[in-house]
């Protein structure tokens, strides 16, 4: 009989998106790049034509290729931020 730890997080070491919501991803990318740059880089019109969080999330949830592009950009951006040397000392 094994005992589970109730507060132990369910870690997914092979899934860097585990626990990150689509809304968190879009917010992060908009904060980093802005709607216009995000739209130009991904070629996704919902980021260019009168962008809103709700309309973007709705589109991304219904469109797998667009969601994949956004998730990949998020992963690359996070990786680049982690690899940047810290300034100061």
N, C-alpha and C. Protein backbone atom coordinates (compact mmCIF):
# COMPACT_ATOMS: atom_id res chain seq x y z
N UNK A 1 0.84 -1.17 0.00
CA UNK A 1 0.00 0.00 0.00
C UNK A 1 0.89 1.24 0.00
N UNK A 2 0.81 2.03 -1.05
CA UNK A 2 1.66 3.22 -1.13
C UNK A 2 0.89 4.44 -0.67
N UNK A 3 1.61 5.34 -0.05
CA UNK A 3 1.00 6.58 0.41
C UNK A 3 1.40 7.71 -0.52
N UNK A 4 0.39 8.44 -0.99
CA UNK A 4 0.67 9.59 -1.86
C UNK A 4 0.84 10.82 -1.01
N UNK A 5 1.73 11.68 -1.44
CA UNK A 5 1.90 12.96 -0.78
C UNK A 5 0.88 13.92 -1.37
N UNK A 6 -0.07 14.42 -0.60
CA UNK A 6 -1.14 15.25 -1.15
C UNK A 6 -0.65 16.58 -1.73
N UNK A 7 0.44 17.12 -1.23
CA UNK A 7 0.92 18.41 -1.71
C UNK A 7 2.05 18.29 -2.72
N UNK A 8 2.39 17.08 -3.10
CA UNK A 8 3.47 16.87 -4.05
C UNK A 8 2.98 17.21 -5.45
N UNK A 9 3.68 18.13 -6.15
CA UNK A 9 3.22 18.51 -7.49
C UNK A 9 3.40 17.37 -8.48
N UNK A 10 2.50 17.31 -9.43
CA UNK A 10 2.57 16.31 -10.49
C UNK A 10 3.50 16.86 -11.57
N UNK A 11 4.78 16.54 -11.50
CA UNK A 11 5.76 17.09 -12.41
C UNK A 11 5.75 16.35 -13.75
N UNK A 12 5.98 17.10 -14.79
CA UNK A 12 6.07 16.58 -16.14
C UNK A 12 7.39 17.05 -16.74
N UNK A 13 8.49 16.37 -16.44
CA UNK A 13 9.81 16.86 -16.86
C UNK A 13 9.98 16.94 -18.38
N UNK A 14 9.23 16.18 -19.14
CA UNK A 14 9.37 16.20 -20.59
C UNK A 14 8.40 17.15 -21.28
N UNK A 15 7.59 17.86 -20.52
CA UNK A 15 6.62 18.78 -21.09
C UNK A 15 6.82 20.17 -20.50
N UNK A 16 7.56 21.03 -21.18
CA UNK A 16 7.83 22.36 -20.63
C UNK A 16 6.59 23.25 -20.57
N UNK A 17 5.50 22.86 -21.23
CA UNK A 17 4.28 23.66 -21.19
C UNK A 17 3.31 23.19 -20.10
N UNK A 18 3.69 22.13 -19.38
CA UNK A 18 2.81 21.61 -18.33
C UNK A 18 2.55 22.69 -17.28
N UNK A 19 1.28 22.95 -17.02
CA UNK A 19 0.91 23.92 -16.00
C UNK A 19 0.86 25.36 -16.49
N UNK A 20 1.20 25.59 -17.75
CA UNK A 20 1.17 26.94 -18.31
C UNK A 20 -0.08 27.04 -19.18
N UNK A 21 -0.94 28.01 -18.87
CA UNK A 21 -2.17 28.15 -19.64
C UNK A 21 -1.90 28.92 -20.93
N UNK A 22 -2.78 28.76 -21.89
CA UNK A 22 -2.67 29.49 -23.14
C UNK A 22 -2.74 31.00 -22.88
N UNK A 23 -3.57 31.39 -21.95
CA UNK A 23 -3.68 32.82 -21.61
C UNK A 23 -2.35 33.34 -21.05
N UNK A 24 -1.70 32.55 -20.20
CA UNK A 24 -0.39 32.94 -19.67
C UNK A 24 0.62 33.10 -20.80
N UNK A 25 0.58 32.20 -21.75
CA UNK A 25 1.52 32.24 -22.88
C UNK A 25 1.30 33.51 -23.70
N UNK A 26 0.05 33.79 -24.05
CA UNK A 26 -0.25 34.97 -24.86
C UNK A 26 0.11 36.24 -24.09
N UNK A 27 -0.24 36.31 -22.81
CA UNK A 27 0.12 37.49 -22.01
C UNK A 27 1.63 37.70 -21.99
N UNK A 28 2.37 36.64 -21.79
CA UNK A 28 3.83 36.72 -21.76
C UNK A 28 4.37 37.26 -23.08
N UNK A 29 3.90 36.72 -24.20
CA UNK A 29 4.39 37.14 -25.50
C UNK A 29 3.99 38.57 -25.83
N UNK A 30 2.79 38.97 -25.46
CA UNK A 30 2.36 40.35 -25.70
C UNK A 30 3.19 41.30 -24.85
N UNK A 31 3.49 40.93 -23.62
CA UNK A 31 4.35 41.76 -22.77
C UNK A 31 5.75 41.89 -23.36
N UNK A 32 6.26 40.81 -23.93
CA UNK A 32 7.61 40.82 -24.49
C UNK A 32 7.69 41.58 -25.82
N UNK A 33 6.72 41.35 -26.69
CA UNK A 33 6.83 41.82 -28.07
C UNK A 33 5.75 42.81 -28.51
N UNK A 34 4.60 42.80 -27.86
CA UNK A 34 3.48 43.62 -28.31
C UNK A 34 2.68 42.88 -29.38
N UNK A 35 1.44 43.32 -29.57
CA UNK A 35 0.54 42.65 -30.51
C UNK A 35 1.07 42.71 -31.94
N UNK A 36 1.54 43.89 -32.36
CA UNK A 36 1.94 44.06 -33.76
C UNK A 36 3.12 43.16 -34.13
N UNK A 37 4.15 43.19 -33.32
CA UNK A 37 5.33 42.36 -33.60
C UNK A 37 4.96 40.87 -33.54
N UNK A 38 4.12 40.52 -32.57
CA UNK A 38 3.67 39.13 -32.45
C UNK A 38 2.94 38.69 -33.71
N UNK A 39 2.09 39.57 -34.23
CA UNK A 39 1.36 39.26 -35.46
C UNK A 39 2.25 39.15 -36.67
N UNK A 40 3.24 40.04 -36.75
CA UNK A 40 4.17 40.01 -37.89
C UNK A 40 5.03 38.75 -37.87
N UNK A 41 5.50 38.36 -36.72
CA UNK A 41 6.37 37.19 -36.61
C UNK A 41 5.63 35.88 -36.86
N UNK A 42 4.41 35.79 -36.34
CA UNK A 42 3.68 34.53 -36.45
C UNK A 42 2.80 34.47 -37.69
N UNK A 43 2.54 35.62 -38.30
CA UNK A 43 1.62 35.72 -39.44
C UNK A 43 0.22 35.23 -39.06
N UNK A 44 -0.18 35.57 -37.85
CA UNK A 44 -1.52 35.22 -37.36
C UNK A 44 -2.30 36.52 -37.25
N UNK A 45 -3.37 36.64 -38.04
CA UNK A 45 -4.10 37.90 -38.15
C UNK A 45 -4.81 38.34 -36.88
N UNK A 46 -5.17 37.41 -36.02
CA UNK A 46 -5.89 37.81 -34.80
C UNK A 46 -5.01 38.67 -33.89
N UNK A 47 -3.70 38.67 -34.13
CA UNK A 47 -2.79 39.51 -33.36
C UNK A 47 -2.60 40.88 -34.00
N UNK A 48 -3.09 41.05 -35.24
CA UNK A 48 -2.87 42.30 -35.97
C UNK A 48 -4.15 43.11 -36.11
N UNK A 49 -5.24 42.46 -36.51
CA UNK A 49 -6.50 43.14 -36.77
C UNK A 49 -7.34 43.27 -35.50
N UNK A 50 -7.28 44.43 -34.88
CA UNK A 50 -8.06 44.71 -33.67
C UNK A 50 -7.89 43.61 -32.63
N UNK A 51 -6.67 43.37 -32.17
CA UNK A 51 -6.42 42.24 -31.27
C UNK A 51 -6.99 42.44 -29.87
N UNK A 52 -7.59 41.39 -29.36
CA UNK A 52 -8.00 41.34 -27.96
C UNK A 52 -7.59 39.98 -27.41
N UNK A 53 -7.47 39.92 -26.12
CA UNK A 53 -7.08 38.65 -25.49
C UNK A 53 -8.14 37.58 -25.78
N UNK A 54 -9.41 37.92 -25.59
CA UNK A 54 -10.47 36.92 -25.76
C UNK A 54 -10.55 36.39 -27.19
N UNK A 55 -10.47 37.29 -28.18
CA UNK A 55 -10.57 36.82 -29.56
C UNK A 55 -9.35 35.99 -29.94
N UNK A 56 -8.19 36.37 -29.44
CA UNK A 56 -6.97 35.61 -29.74
C UNK A 56 -7.03 34.22 -29.12
N UNK A 57 -7.47 34.13 -27.87
CA UNK A 57 -7.57 32.83 -27.21
C UNK A 57 -8.58 31.94 -27.92
N UNK A 58 -9.70 32.52 -28.31
CA UNK A 58 -10.73 31.75 -29.00
C UNK A 58 -10.18 31.18 -30.31
N UNK A 59 -9.47 32.02 -31.08
CA UNK A 59 -8.89 31.56 -32.34
C UNK A 59 -7.85 30.48 -32.10
N UNK A 60 -6.95 30.70 -31.15
CA UNK A 60 -5.87 29.75 -30.90
C UNK A 60 -6.39 28.40 -30.41
N UNK A 61 -7.47 28.41 -29.65
CA UNK A 61 -8.04 27.15 -29.16
C UNK A 61 -8.68 26.34 -30.28
N UNK A 62 -9.14 27.03 -31.33
CA UNK A 62 -9.81 26.35 -32.44
C UNK A 62 -8.86 26.01 -33.59
N UNK A 63 -7.63 26.54 -33.54
CA UNK A 63 -6.73 26.44 -34.68
C UNK A 63 -5.39 25.84 -34.24
N UNK A 64 -5.24 24.53 -34.37
CA UNK A 64 -4.03 23.86 -33.86
C UNK A 64 -2.71 24.39 -34.42
N UNK A 65 -2.65 24.69 -35.72
CA UNK A 65 -1.38 25.16 -36.29
C UNK A 65 -0.98 26.50 -35.69
N UNK A 66 -1.95 27.37 -35.41
CA UNK A 66 -1.65 28.68 -34.83
C UNK A 66 -1.21 28.52 -33.38
N UNK A 67 -1.89 27.66 -32.66
CA UNK A 67 -1.52 27.43 -31.26
C UNK A 67 -0.09 26.87 -31.17
N UNK A 68 0.24 25.97 -32.07
CA UNK A 68 1.59 25.40 -32.08
C UNK A 68 2.64 26.48 -32.33
N UNK A 69 2.37 27.38 -33.27
CA UNK A 69 3.31 28.48 -33.54
C UNK A 69 3.53 29.33 -32.29
N UNK A 70 2.44 29.66 -31.61
CA UNK A 70 2.51 30.51 -30.42
C UNK A 70 3.25 29.79 -29.29
N UNK A 71 2.94 28.53 -29.08
CA UNK A 71 3.62 27.76 -28.04
C UNK A 71 5.12 27.64 -28.33
N UNK A 72 5.47 27.43 -29.59
CA UNK A 72 6.89 27.32 -29.94
C UNK A 72 7.62 28.64 -29.73
N UNK A 73 6.98 29.75 -30.09
CA UNK A 73 7.59 31.06 -29.86
C UNK A 73 7.78 31.31 -28.37
N UNK A 74 6.81 30.90 -27.58
CA UNK A 74 6.92 31.03 -26.12
C UNK A 74 8.12 30.24 -25.59
N UNK A 75 8.26 29.00 -26.03
CA UNK A 75 9.37 28.16 -25.56
C UNK A 75 10.72 28.74 -25.96
N UNK A 76 10.84 29.22 -27.19
CA UNK A 76 12.09 29.82 -27.65
C UNK A 76 12.40 31.09 -26.85
N UNK A 77 11.39 31.91 -26.63
CA UNK A 77 11.59 33.15 -25.88
C UNK A 77 12.02 32.87 -24.45
N UNK A 78 11.36 31.92 -23.80
CA UNK A 78 11.73 31.56 -22.42
C UNK A 78 13.16 31.02 -22.37
N UNK A 79 13.50 30.17 -23.33
CA UNK A 79 14.85 29.59 -23.37
C UNK A 79 15.89 30.70 -23.56
N UNK A 80 15.62 31.64 -24.46
CA UNK A 80 16.55 32.75 -24.69
C UNK A 80 16.71 33.62 -23.45
N UNK A 81 15.64 33.83 -22.72
CA UNK A 81 15.72 34.63 -21.50
C UNK A 81 16.54 33.92 -20.43
N UNK A 82 16.41 32.61 -20.35
CA UNK A 82 17.16 31.85 -19.35
C UNK A 82 18.64 31.79 -19.69
N UNK A 83 18.97 31.84 -20.97
CA UNK A 83 20.36 31.74 -21.40
C UNK A 83 21.08 33.08 -21.44
N UNK A 84 20.33 34.18 -21.26
CA UNK A 84 20.95 35.50 -21.27
C UNK A 84 21.82 35.66 -20.04
N UNK A 85 23.04 36.18 -20.23
CA UNK A 85 23.87 36.44 -19.05
C UNK A 85 23.28 37.57 -18.23
N UNK A 86 23.34 37.42 -16.92
CA UNK A 86 22.80 38.44 -16.03
C UNK A 86 23.79 39.59 -15.94
N UNK A 87 23.25 40.82 -15.94
CA UNK A 87 24.10 42.01 -15.83
C UNK A 87 24.23 42.42 -14.37
N UNK A 88 25.26 43.17 -14.11
CA UNK A 88 25.45 43.68 -12.75
C UNK A 88 26.28 42.72 -11.93
N UNK A 89 26.51 43.14 -10.71
CA UNK A 89 27.28 42.22 -9.93
C UNK A 89 27.61 42.68 -8.62
